[in-house]
């Protein structure tokens, strides 16, 4: 049985490195340790400070070459200093080619995020990768709990989408996604589509600081230990992992509560095998 699953996964992954329409092998562009320039080709504004930025690759058949769960680093010279920040694309190599997309919230006092927010069509960014230690493989976990805040949804969405795209990946996913207001929820339509496609495998709970309508069906307030115990998989089951990404205070408090619930405490730098992984 395990051999059959392994063979199926290998065939699935090999199939997805080819362009389904043209039958041509896709070229991976990223080169670890080398910064490459990519131009902004499209910008989709989501909120007053958040947008999806689409960057073009050299050829329409190229893919970024980023395994699920890993991230890129963007470098820019700001005030005479080289500054780098990490971002996880929301686009998947198996779905798109010729470009990749980033979900970015621009902060007035930010460095890279502010620079990206000020980009005009045709302007370029300097990118290297793949980077990181969370290299997701189908069925590497039986259940994954996720806690995300704001743009911290990016790596979670990438993993969820990869699982949803693979009919042979049976990993169950439970997501708690926190934001200030309903308007701040990012990728909601896409997340809801994943959940509705496999309701027995995916679940999402939206948590807001402020609610403007009486018929809001999600939660109000902050993430609590009771909420985590109710919505996330038990840490005592085999193959369970918890992923965290978002504002530092949210991540720190969620990690402490997870440990109190019985999740194994991770080291300062997360590793793929850790039961609690922080992006």
C-alpha atoms as a PDB file:
ATOM      1  CA  UNK A   1       0.000   0.000   0.000  1.00  0.00           C
ATOM      2  CA  UNK A   2       2.756   2.439   0.964  1.00  0.00           C
ATOM      3  CA  UNK A   3       4.673   1.553  -2.202  1.00  0.00           C
ATOM      4  CA  UNK A   4       1.593   2.258  -4.316  1.00  0.00           C
ATOM      5  CA  UNK A   5       1.118   5.673  -2.677  1.00  0.00           C
ATOM      6  CA  UNK A   6       4.805   6.500  -3.187  1.00  0.00           C
ATOM      7  CA  UNK A   7       4.666   5.583  -6.882  1.00  0.00           C
ATOM      8  CA  UNK A   8       1.472   7.604  -7.356  1.00  0.00           C
ATOM      9  CA  UNK A   9       3.036  10.678  -5.731  1.00  0.00           C
ATOM     10  CA  UNK A  10       6.168  10.387  -7.895  1.00  0.00           C
ATOM     11  CA  UNK A  11       4.099  10.147 -11.074  1.00  0.00           C
ATOM     12  CA  UNK A  12       1.993  13.122  -9.960  1.00  0.00           C
ATOM     13  CA  UNK A  13       5.061  15.272  -9.268  1.00  0.00           C
ATOM     14  CA  UNK A  14       6.741  14.318 -12.548  1.00  0.00           C
ATOM     15  CA  UNK A  15       3.589  15.123 -14.472  1.00  0.00           C
ATOM     16  CA  UNK A  16       3.384  18.568 -12.923  1.00  0.00           C
ATOM     17  CA  UNK A  17       6.826  19.718 -14.099  1.00  0.00           C
ATOM     18  CA  UNK A  18       5.540  19.633 -17.658  1.00  0.00           C
ATOM     19  CA  UNK A  19       3.316  22.227 -19.280  1.00  0.00           C
ATOM     20  CA  UNK A  20      -0.021  20.452 -19.601  1.00  0.00           C
ATOM     21  CA  UNK A  21      -1.003  22.415 -22.687  1.00  0.00           C
ATOM     22  CA  UNK A  22       2.229  22.389 -24.671  1.00  0.00           C
ATOM     23  CA  UNK A  23       3.981  19.305 -23.340  1.00  0.00           C
ATOM     24  CA  UNK A  24       7.186  21.276 -22.764  1.00  0.00           C
ATOM     25  CA  UNK A  25       9.390  20.869 -19.720  1.00  0.00           C
ATOM     26  CA  UNK A  26       9.253  23.908 -17.501  1.00  0.00           C
ATOM     27  CA  UNK A  27      12.504  25.629 -16.579  1.00  0.00           C
ATOM     28  CA  UNK A  28      13.094  26.513 -12.919  1.00  0.00           C
ATOM     29  CA  UNK A  29      14.523  30.024 -12.642  1.00  0.00           C
ATOM     30  CA  UNK A  30      15.611  30.436  -9.015  1.00  0.00           C
ATOM     31  CA  UNK A  31      19.301  29.986  -8.236  1.00  0.00           C
ATOM     32  CA  UNK A  32      20.120  29.665  -4.556  1.00  0.00           C
ATOM     33  CA  UNK A  33      22.719  32.201  -3.480  1.00  0.00           C
ATOM     34  CA  UNK A  34      22.296  34.304  -6.623  1.00  0.00           C
ATOM     35  CA  UNK A  35      20.011  37.328  -6.787  1.00  0.00           C
ATOM     36  CA  UNK A  36      17.952  37.635  -9.969  1.00  0.00           C
ATOM     37  CA  UNK A  37      15.826  40.547 -11.155  1.00  0.00           C
ATOM     38  CA  UNK A  38      12.131  40.191 -11.930  1.00  0.00           C
ATOM     39  CA  UNK A  39       9.862  42.992 -13.215  1.00  0.00           C
ATOM     40  CA  UNK A  40       6.480  43.911 -11.769  1.00  0.00           C
ATOM     41  CA  UNK A  41       3.880  43.162 -14.438  1.00  0.00           C
ATOM     42  CA  UNK A  42       0.632  43.508 -12.506  1.00  0.00           C
ATOM     43  CA  UNK A  43      -0.685  44.788  -9.175  1.00  0.00           C
ATOM     44  CA  UNK A  44      -4.045  43.870  -7.642  1.00  0.00           C
ATOM     45  CA  UNK A  45      -5.024  46.068  -4.696  1.00  0.00           C
ATOM     46  CA  UNK A  46      -6.850  44.205  -1.909  1.00  0.00           C
ATOM     47  CA  UNK A  47      -6.922  46.798   0.890  1.00  0.00           C
ATOM     48  CA  UNK A  48      -5.498  50.279   1.425  1.00  0.00           C
ATOM     49  CA  UNK A  49      -2.139  48.739   2.363  1.00  0.00           C
ATOM     50  CA  UNK A  50      -2.178  45.219   0.902  1.00  0.00           C
ATOM     51  CA  UNK A  51      -1.918  44.013  -2.677  1.00  0.00           C
ATOM     52  CA  UNK A  52      -1.004  41.006  -4.788  1.00  0.00           C
ATOM     53  CA  UNK A  53       2.099  41.744  -6.862  1.00  0.00           C
ATOM     54  CA  UNK A  54       2.741  39.702  -9.995  1.00  0.00           C
ATOM     55  CA  UNK A  55       6.337  39.497 -11.202  1.00  0.00           C
ATOM     56  CA  UNK A  56       7.290  38.227 -14.627  1.00  0.00           C
ATOM     57  CA  UNK A  57       9.769  35.441 -15.368  1.00  0.00           C
ATOM     58  CA  UNK A  58      12.100  35.479 -18.409  1.00  0.00           C
ATOM     59  CA  UNK A  59       9.932  33.130 -20.494  1.00  0.00           C
ATOM     60  CA  UNK A  60       6.208  32.382 -20.436  1.00  0.00           C
ATOM     61  CA  UNK A  61       6.926  28.689 -19.791  1.00  0.00           C
ATOM     62  CA  UNK A  62       9.342  29.304 -16.898  1.00  0.00           C
ATOM     63  CA  UNK A  63       8.455  28.488 -13.302  1.00  0.00           C
ATOM     64  CA  UNK A  64       9.974  30.050 -10.213  1.00  0.00           C
ATOM     65  CA  UNK A  65      11.260  26.684  -8.976  1.00  0.00           C
ATOM     66  CA  UNK A  66      10.129  26.969  -5.363  1.00  0.00           C
ATOM     67  CA  UNK A  67       9.117  23.798  -3.473  1.00  0.00           C
ATOM     68  CA  UNK A  68       5.963  24.024  -1.358  1.00  0.00           C
ATOM     69  CA  UNK A  69       6.692  25.565   2.050  1.00  0.00           C
ATOM     70  CA  UNK A  70       9.952  27.276   1.131  1.00  0.00           C
ATOM     71  CA  UNK A  71      10.358  31.019   0.589  1.00  0.00           C
ATOM     72  CA  UNK A  72      12.345  33.626  -1.301  1.00  0.00           C
ATOM     73  CA  UNK A  73      14.439  36.548  -0.085  1.00  0.00           C
ATOM     74  CA  UNK A  74      14.089  40.022  -1.576  1.00  0.00           C
ATOM     75  CA  UNK A  75      17.029  42.418  -1.335  1.00  0.00           C
ATOM     76  CA  UNK A  76      17.124  46.185  -1.760  1.00  0.00           C
ATOM     77  CA  UNK A  77      19.541  48.966  -0.893  1.00  0.00           C
ATOM     78  CA  UNK A  78      17.765  51.281   1.540  1.00  0.00           C
ATOM     79  CA  UNK A  79      19.507  54.303   3.055  1.00  0.00           C
ATOM     80  CA  UNK A  80      22.801  52.914   1.785  1.00  0.00           C
ATOM     81  CA  UNK A  81      22.367  49.500   3.398  1.00  0.00           C
ATOM     82  CA  UNK A  82      21.469  46.132   1.868  1.00  0.00           C
ATOM     83  CA  UNK A  83      18.204  44.966   3.431  1.00  0.00           C
ATOM     84  CA  UNK A  84      16.691  41.498   2.926  1.00  0.00           C
ATOM     85  CA  UNK A  85      13.237  40.199   3.808  1.00  0.00           C
ATOM     86  CA  UNK A  86      11.612  36.807   3.288  1.00  0.00           C
ATOM     87  CA  UNK A  87       8.342  36.238   1.435  1.00  0.00           C
ATOM     88  CA  UNK A  88       6.353  33.149   0.485  1.00  0.00           C
ATOM     89  CA  UNK A  89       4.665  33.375  -2.929  1.00  0.00           C
ATOM     90  CA  UNK A  90       0.964  32.557  -3.027  1.00  0.00           C
ATOM     91  CA  UNK A  91       1.334  31.134  -6.539  1.00  0.00           C
ATOM     92  CA  UNK A  92       2.326  27.501  -7.064  1.00  0.00           C
ATOM     93  CA  UNK A  93       4.679  26.264  -9.768  1.00  0.00           C
ATOM     94  CA  UNK A  94       2.239  23.495 -10.642  1.00  0.00           C
ATOM     95  CA  UNK A  95      -0.493  26.034 -11.398  1.00  0.00           C
ATOM     96  CA  UNK A  96       1.181  28.995 -13.088  1.00  0.00           C
ATOM     97  CA  UNK A  97       4.151  29.651 -15.322  1.00  0.00           C
ATOM     98  CA  UNK A  98       5.724  32.799 -16.666  1.00  0.00           C
ATOM     99  CA  UNK A  99       5.206  34.670 -13.389  1.00  0.00           C
ATOM    100  CA  UNK A 100       4.895  34.401  -9.608  1.00  0.00           C
ATOM    101  CA  UNK A 101       2.755  36.325  -7.128  1.00  0.00           C
ATOM    102  CA  UNK A 102       3.439  37.824  -3.703  1.00  0.00           C
ATOM    103  CA  UNK A 103       0.931  38.961  -1.101  1.00  0.00           C
ATOM    104  CA  UNK A 104       2.452  42.026   0.555  1.00  0.00           C
ATOM    105  CA  UNK A 105       1.241  44.494   3.164  1.00  0.00           C
ATOM    106  CA  UNK A 106       3.144  47.767   2.886  1.00  0.00           C
ATOM    107  CA  UNK A 107       4.053  49.541   6.108  1.00  0.00           C
ATOM    108  CA  UNK A 108       4.792  53.257   6.186  1.00  0.00           C
ATOM    109  CA  UNK A 109       7.898  52.647   8.295  1.00  0.00           C
ATOM    110  CA  UNK A 110       8.777  49.385   6.582  1.00  0.00           C
ATOM    111  CA  UNK A 111      11.820  48.673   4.467  1.00  0.00           C
ATOM    112  CA  UNK A 112      11.199  46.054   1.783  1.00  0.00           C
ATOM    113  CA  UNK A 113       7.413  46.147   2.142  1.00  0.00           C
ATOM    114  CA  UNK A 114       7.364  49.915   1.593  1.00  0.00           C
ATOM    115  CA  UNK A 115       9.682  49.551  -1.394  1.00  0.00           C
ATOM    116  CA  UNK A 116       7.400  46.936  -2.949  1.00  0.00           C
ATOM    117  CA  UNK A 117       4.356  49.103  -2.293  1.00  0.00           C
ATOM    118  CA  UNK A 118       5.945  51.950  -4.237  1.00  0.00           C
ATOM    119  CA  UNK A 119       6.880  49.841  -7.276  1.00  0.00           C
ATOM    120  CA  UNK A 120       5.565  50.873 -10.676  1.00  0.00           C
ATOM    121  CA  UNK A 121       4.859  48.460 -13.527  1.00  0.00           C
ATOM    122  CA  UNK A 122       8.208  47.551 -15.066  1.00  0.00           C
ATOM    123  CA  UNK A 123      10.221  48.161 -11.890  1.00  0.00           C
ATOM    124  CA  UNK A 124      12.256  45.162 -10.738  1.00  0.00           C
ATOM    125  CA  UNK A 125      13.019  43.375  -7.476  1.00  0.00           C
ATOM    126  CA  UNK A 126      16.107  41.310  -6.568  1.00  0.00           C
ATOM    127  CA  UNK A 127      15.225  37.762  -5.537  1.00  0.00           C
ATOM    128  CA  UNK A 128      17.099  34.672  -4.383  1.00  0.00           C
ATOM    129  CA  UNK A 129      15.983  31.255  -3.157  1.00  0.00           C
ATOM    130  CA  UNK A 130      14.750  28.694  -2.430  1.00  0.00           C
ATOM    131  CA  UNK A 131      15.243  29.285   1.292  1.00  0.00           C
ATOM    132  CA  UNK A 132      13.829  27.800   4.474  1.00  0.00           C
ATOM    133  CA  UNK A 133      13.485  24.393   6.075  1.00  0.00           C
ATOM    134  CA  UNK A 134       9.795  23.581   5.571  1.00  0.00           C
ATOM    135  CA  UNK A 135       9.831  21.509   2.387  1.00  0.00           C
ATOM    136  CA  UNK A 136       6.335  20.039   2.251  1.00  0.00           C
ATOM    137  CA  UNK A 137       5.768  16.582   0.788  1.00  0.00           C
ATOM    138  CA  UNK A 138       2.332  14.975   0.278  1.00  0.00           C
ATOM    139  CA  UNK A 139       1.109  12.982   3.283  1.00  0.00           C
ATOM    140  CA  UNK A 140       4.178  13.856   5.363  1.00  0.00           C
ATOM    141  CA  UNK A 141       1.695  14.577   8.165  1.00  0.00           C
ATOM    142  CA  UNK A 142      -1.722  13.119   8.920  1.00  0.00           C
ATOM    143  CA  UNK A 143      -3.121  16.365  10.333  1.00  0.00           C
ATOM    144  CA  UNK A 144      -1.872  19.951  10.225  1.00  0.00           C
ATOM    145  CA  UNK A 145      -3.140  22.753  12.434  1.00  0.00           C
ATOM    146  CA  UNK A 146      -2.498  26.293  11.238  1.00  0.00           C
ATOM    147  CA  UNK A 147      -2.620  29.653  12.994  1.00  0.00           C
ATOM    148  CA  UNK A 148      -2.122  32.697  10.783  1.00  0.00           C
ATOM    149  CA  UNK A 149      -2.484  36.432  11.154  1.00  0.00           C
ATOM    150  CA  UNK A 150      -2.650  39.013   8.357  1.00  0.00           C
ATOM    151  CA  UNK A 151      -0.241  38.311   5.510  1.00  0.00           C
ATOM    152  CA  UNK A 152       0.985  35.320   7.498  1.00  0.00           C
ATOM    153  CA  UNK A 153      -1.672  33.477   5.517  1.00  0.00           C
ATOM    154  CA  UNK A 154       0.713  33.240   2.530  1.00  0.00           C
ATOM    155  CA  UNK A 155       2.642  30.058   3.466  1.00  0.00           C
ATOM    156  CA  UNK A 156      -0.521  28.497   4.892  1.00  0.00           C
ATOM    157  CA  UNK A 157      -2.429  29.110   1.677  1.00  0.00           C
ATOM    158  CA  UNK A 158       0.428  27.667  -0.354  1.00  0.00           C
ATOM    159  CA  UNK A 159       0.420  24.431   1.655  1.00  0.00           C
ATOM    160  CA  UNK A 160      -3.386  24.203   1.648  1.00  0.00           C
ATOM    161  CA  UNK A 161      -3.553  24.763  -2.099  1.00  0.00           C
ATOM    162  CA  UNK A 162      -0.898  22.135  -2.771  1.00  0.00           C
ATOM    163  CA  UNK A 163      -2.822  19.591  -0.701  1.00  0.00           C
ATOM    164  CA  UNK A 164      -6.120  20.505  -2.366  1.00  0.00           C
ATOM    165  CA  UNK A 165      -4.576  20.157  -5.825  1.00  0.00           C
ATOM    166  CA  UNK A 166      -3.344  16.640  -5.111  1.00  0.00           C
ATOM    167  CA  UNK A 167      -6.135  14.028  -4.974  1.00  0.00           C
ATOM    168  CA  UNK A 168      -3.666  11.602  -3.400  1.00  0.00           C
ATOM    169  CA  UNK A 169      -2.764  13.870  -0.462  1.00  0.00           C
ATOM    170  CA  UNK A 170      -5.065  13.034   2.438  1.00  0.00           C
ATOM    171  CA  UNK A 171      -3.591  15.432   5.006  1.00  0.00           C
ATOM    172  CA  UNK A 172      -6.302  17.088   7.109  1.00  0.00           C
ATOM    173  CA  UNK A 173      -5.923  20.830   7.678  1.00  0.00           C
ATOM    174  CA  UNK A 174      -7.494  23.059  10.353  1.00  0.00           C
ATOM    175  CA  UNK A 175      -6.852  26.806  10.004  1.00  0.00           C
ATOM    176  CA  UNK A 176      -7.437  29.618  12.494  1.00  0.00           C
ATOM    177  CA  UNK A 177      -7.010  32.920  10.683  1.00  0.00           C
ATOM    178  CA  UNK A 178      -6.966  36.154  12.688  1.00  0.00           C
ATOM    179  CA  UNK A 179      -7.406  39.729  11.468  1.00  0.00           C
ATOM    180  CA  UNK A 180      -8.475  43.110  12.813  1.00  0.00           C
ATOM    181  CA  UNK A 181     -11.639  43.561  10.722  1.00  0.00           C
ATOM    182  CA  UNK A 182     -13.543  41.543   8.135  1.00  0.00           C
ATOM    183  CA  UNK A 183     -12.144  43.780   5.390  1.00  0.00           C
ATOM    184  CA  UNK A 184      -8.635  42.745   6.441  1.00  0.00           C
ATOM    185  CA  UNK A 185      -9.214  39.050   5.680  1.00  0.00           C
ATOM    186  CA  UNK A 186      -6.948  38.181   2.763  1.00  0.00           C
ATOM    187  CA  UNK A 187      -7.512  35.395   0.219  1.00  0.00           C
ATOM    188  CA  UNK A 188     -10.896  34.620   1.821  1.00  0.00           C
ATOM    189  CA  UNK A 189     -12.591  33.582  -1.412  1.00  0.00           C
ATOM    190  CA  UNK A 190      -9.695  31.290  -2.309  1.00  0.00           C
ATOM    191  CA  UNK A 191      -9.559  29.756   1.179  1.00  0.00           C
ATOM    192  CA  UNK A 192     -13.321  29.192   1.265  1.00  0.00           C
ATOM    193  CA  UNK A 193     -13.122  27.530  -2.142  1.00  0.00           C
ATOM    194  CA  UNK A 194     -10.539  25.050  -0.847  1.00  0.00           C
ATOM    195  CA  UNK A 195     -12.645  24.278   2.230  1.00  0.00           C
ATOM    196  CA  UNK A 196     -15.842  23.811   0.225  1.00  0.00           C
ATOM    197  CA  UNK A 197     -14.071  21.509  -2.238  1.00  0.00           C
ATOM    198  CA  UNK A 198     -13.144  19.049   0.532  1.00  0.00           C
ATOM    199  CA  UNK A 199     -15.105  19.930   3.701  1.00  0.00           C
ATOM    200  CA  UNK A 200     -14.112  16.673   5.397  1.00  0.00           C
ATOM    201  CA  UNK A 201     -10.428  17.474   4.927  1.00  0.00           C
ATOM    202  CA  UNK A 202     -10.224  21.270   5.395  1.00  0.00           C
ATOM    203  CA  UNK A 203     -11.689  23.686   7.931  1.00  0.00           C
ATOM    204  CA  UNK A 204     -11.213  27.404   8.581  1.00  0.00           C
ATOM    205  CA  UNK A 205     -12.177  29.612  11.513  1.00  0.00           C
ATOM    206  CA  UNK A 206     -11.994  33.367  10.997  1.00  0.00           C
ATOM    207  CA  UNK A 207     -11.219  35.407  14.100  1.00  0.00           C
ATOM    208  CA  UNK A 208     -11.599  39.197  14.210  1.00  0.00           C
ATOM    209  CA  UNK A 209     -10.687  41.910  16.694  1.00  0.00           C
ATOM    210  CA  UNK A 210     -13.660  44.035  15.609  1.00  0.00           C
ATOM    211  CA  UNK A 211     -17.004  43.033  14.096  1.00  0.00           C
ATOM    212  CA  UNK A 212     -19.359  45.454  12.331  1.00  0.00           C
ATOM    213  CA  UNK A 213     -22.362  43.172  11.753  1.00  0.00           C
ATOM    214  CA  UNK A 214     -24.582  41.029  13.966  1.00  0.00           C
ATOM    215  CA  UNK A 215     -24.624  38.006  11.667  1.00  0.00           C
ATOM    216  CA  UNK A 216     -20.851  37.442  11.712  1.00  0.00           C
ATOM    217  CA  UNK A 217     -20.346  33.658  11.880  1.00  0.00           C
ATOM    218  CA  UNK A 218     -16.700  33.612  12.926  1.00  0.00           C
ATOM    219  CA  UNK A 219     -15.065  34.458  16.220  1.00  0.00           C
ATOM    220  CA  UNK A 220     -14.355  37.750  17.976  1.00  0.00           C
ATOM    221  CA  UNK A 221     -11.323  38.488  20.121  1.00  0.00           C
ATOM    222  CA  UNK A 222      -7.926  36.897  20.433  1.00  0.00           C
ATOM    223  CA  UNK A 223      -6.694  33.342  20.059  1.00  0.00           C
ATOM    224  CA  UNK A 224      -7.093  31.439  23.316  1.00  0.00           C
ATOM    225  CA  UNK A 225      -5.912  28.077  24.555  1.00  0.00           C
ATOM    226  CA  UNK A 226      -9.506  26.837  24.723  1.00  0.00           C
ATOM    227  CA  UNK A 227     -10.073  27.858  21.110  1.00  0.00           C
ATOM    228  CA  UNK A 228      -6.928  26.068  19.993  1.00  0.00           C
ATOM    229  CA  UNK A 229      -7.911  22.919  21.876  1.00  0.00           C
ATOM    230  CA  UNK A 230     -11.364  23.004  20.287  1.00  0.00           C
ATOM    231  CA  UNK A 231     -10.373  23.685  16.667  1.00  0.00           C
ATOM    232  CA  UNK A 232      -6.904  22.213  16.169  1.00  0.00           C
ATOM    233  CA  UNK A 233      -5.817  18.556  16.075  1.00  0.00           C
ATOM    234  CA  UNK A 234      -4.696  16.966  19.321  1.00  0.00           C
ATOM    235  CA  UNK A 235      -0.910  17.047  19.760  1.00  0.00           C
ATOM    236  CA  UNK A 236      -1.074  13.515  21.113  1.00  0.00           C
ATOM    237  CA  UNK A 237      -2.219  11.993  17.812  1.00  0.00           C
ATOM    238  CA  UNK A 238       0.360  10.511  15.463  1.00  0.00           C
ATOM    239  CA  UNK A 239       1.583  12.697  12.604  1.00  0.00           C
ATOM    240  CA  UNK A 240       0.220  16.016  13.894  1.00  0.00           C
ATOM    241  CA  UNK A 241       1.978  19.326  13.254  1.00  0.00           C
ATOM    242  CA  UNK A 242       1.173  22.965  14.045  1.00  0.00           C
ATOM    243  CA  UNK A 243       2.218  25.780  11.697  1.00  0.00           C
ATOM    244  CA  UNK A 244       2.417  29.407  12.871  1.00  0.00           C
ATOM    245  CA  UNK A 245       2.870  32.601  10.858  1.00  0.00           C
ATOM    246  CA  UNK A 246       1.879  36.170  11.586  1.00  0.00           C
ATOM    247  CA  UNK A 247       2.589  39.083  13.926  1.00  0.00           C
ATOM    248  CA  UNK A 248       5.336  38.235  16.471  1.00  0.00           C
ATOM    249  CA  UNK A 249       3.108  38.646  19.541  1.00  0.00           C
ATOM    250  CA  UNK A 250       0.443  36.371  18.076  1.00  0.00           C
ATOM    251  CA  UNK A 251       3.003  33.736  17.130  1.00  0.00           C
ATOM    252  CA  UNK A 252       4.705  33.884  20.532  1.00  0.00           C
ATOM    253  CA  UNK A 253       1.475  33.557  22.528  1.00  0.00           C
ATOM    254  CA  UNK A 254       0.151  30.793  20.253  1.00  0.00           C
ATOM    255  CA  UNK A 255       3.385  28.846  20.660  1.00  0.00           C
ATOM    256  CA  UNK A 256       3.199  29.074  24.467  1.00  0.00           C
ATOM    257  CA  UNK A 257      -0.427  27.940  24.498  1.00  0.00           C
ATOM    258  CA  UNK A 258       0.368  25.085  22.112  1.00  0.00           C
ATOM    259  CA  UNK A 259       3.106  23.834  24.445  1.00  0.00           C
ATOM    260  CA  UNK A 260       0.663  24.045  27.353  1.00  0.00           C
ATOM    261  CA  UNK A 261      -1.721  21.853  25.345  1.00  0.00           C
ATOM    262  CA  UNK A 262       0.970  19.222  24.895  1.00  0.00           C
ATOM    263  CA  UNK A 263       2.671  20.153  21.636  1.00  0.00           C
ATOM    264  CA  UNK A 264       6.404  19.506  21.710  1.00  0.00           C
ATOM    265  CA  UNK A 265       8.401  22.690  22.261  1.00  0.00           C
ATOM    266  CA  UNK A 266      10.472  23.587  19.216  1.00  0.00           C
ATOM    267  CA  UNK A 267      13.930  25.103  19.076  1.00  0.00           C
ATOM    268  CA  UNK A 268      14.464  28.833  18.248  1.00  0.00           C
ATOM    269  CA  UNK A 269      15.008  27.966  14.577  1.00  0.00           C
ATOM    270  CA  UNK A 270      12.205  25.705  13.369  1.00  0.00           C
ATOM    271  CA  UNK A 271      12.948  22.460  11.569  1.00  0.00           C
ATOM    272  CA  UNK A 272      10.713  20.415   9.301  1.00  0.00           C
ATOM    273  CA  UNK A 273      10.451  17.593  11.838  1.00  0.00           C
ATOM    274  CA  UNK A 274       9.331  19.904  14.692  1.00  0.00           C
ATOM    275  CA  UNK A 275       5.765  19.494  15.896  1.00  0.00           C
ATOM    276  CA  UNK A 276       5.492  23.296  16.082  1.00  0.00           C
ATOM    277  CA  UNK A 277       6.906  25.031  13.020  1.00  0.00           C
ATOM    278  CA  UNK A 278       7.175  28.827  12.804  1.00  0.00           C
ATOM    279  CA  UNK A 279       7.571  30.406   9.385  1.00  0.00           C
END
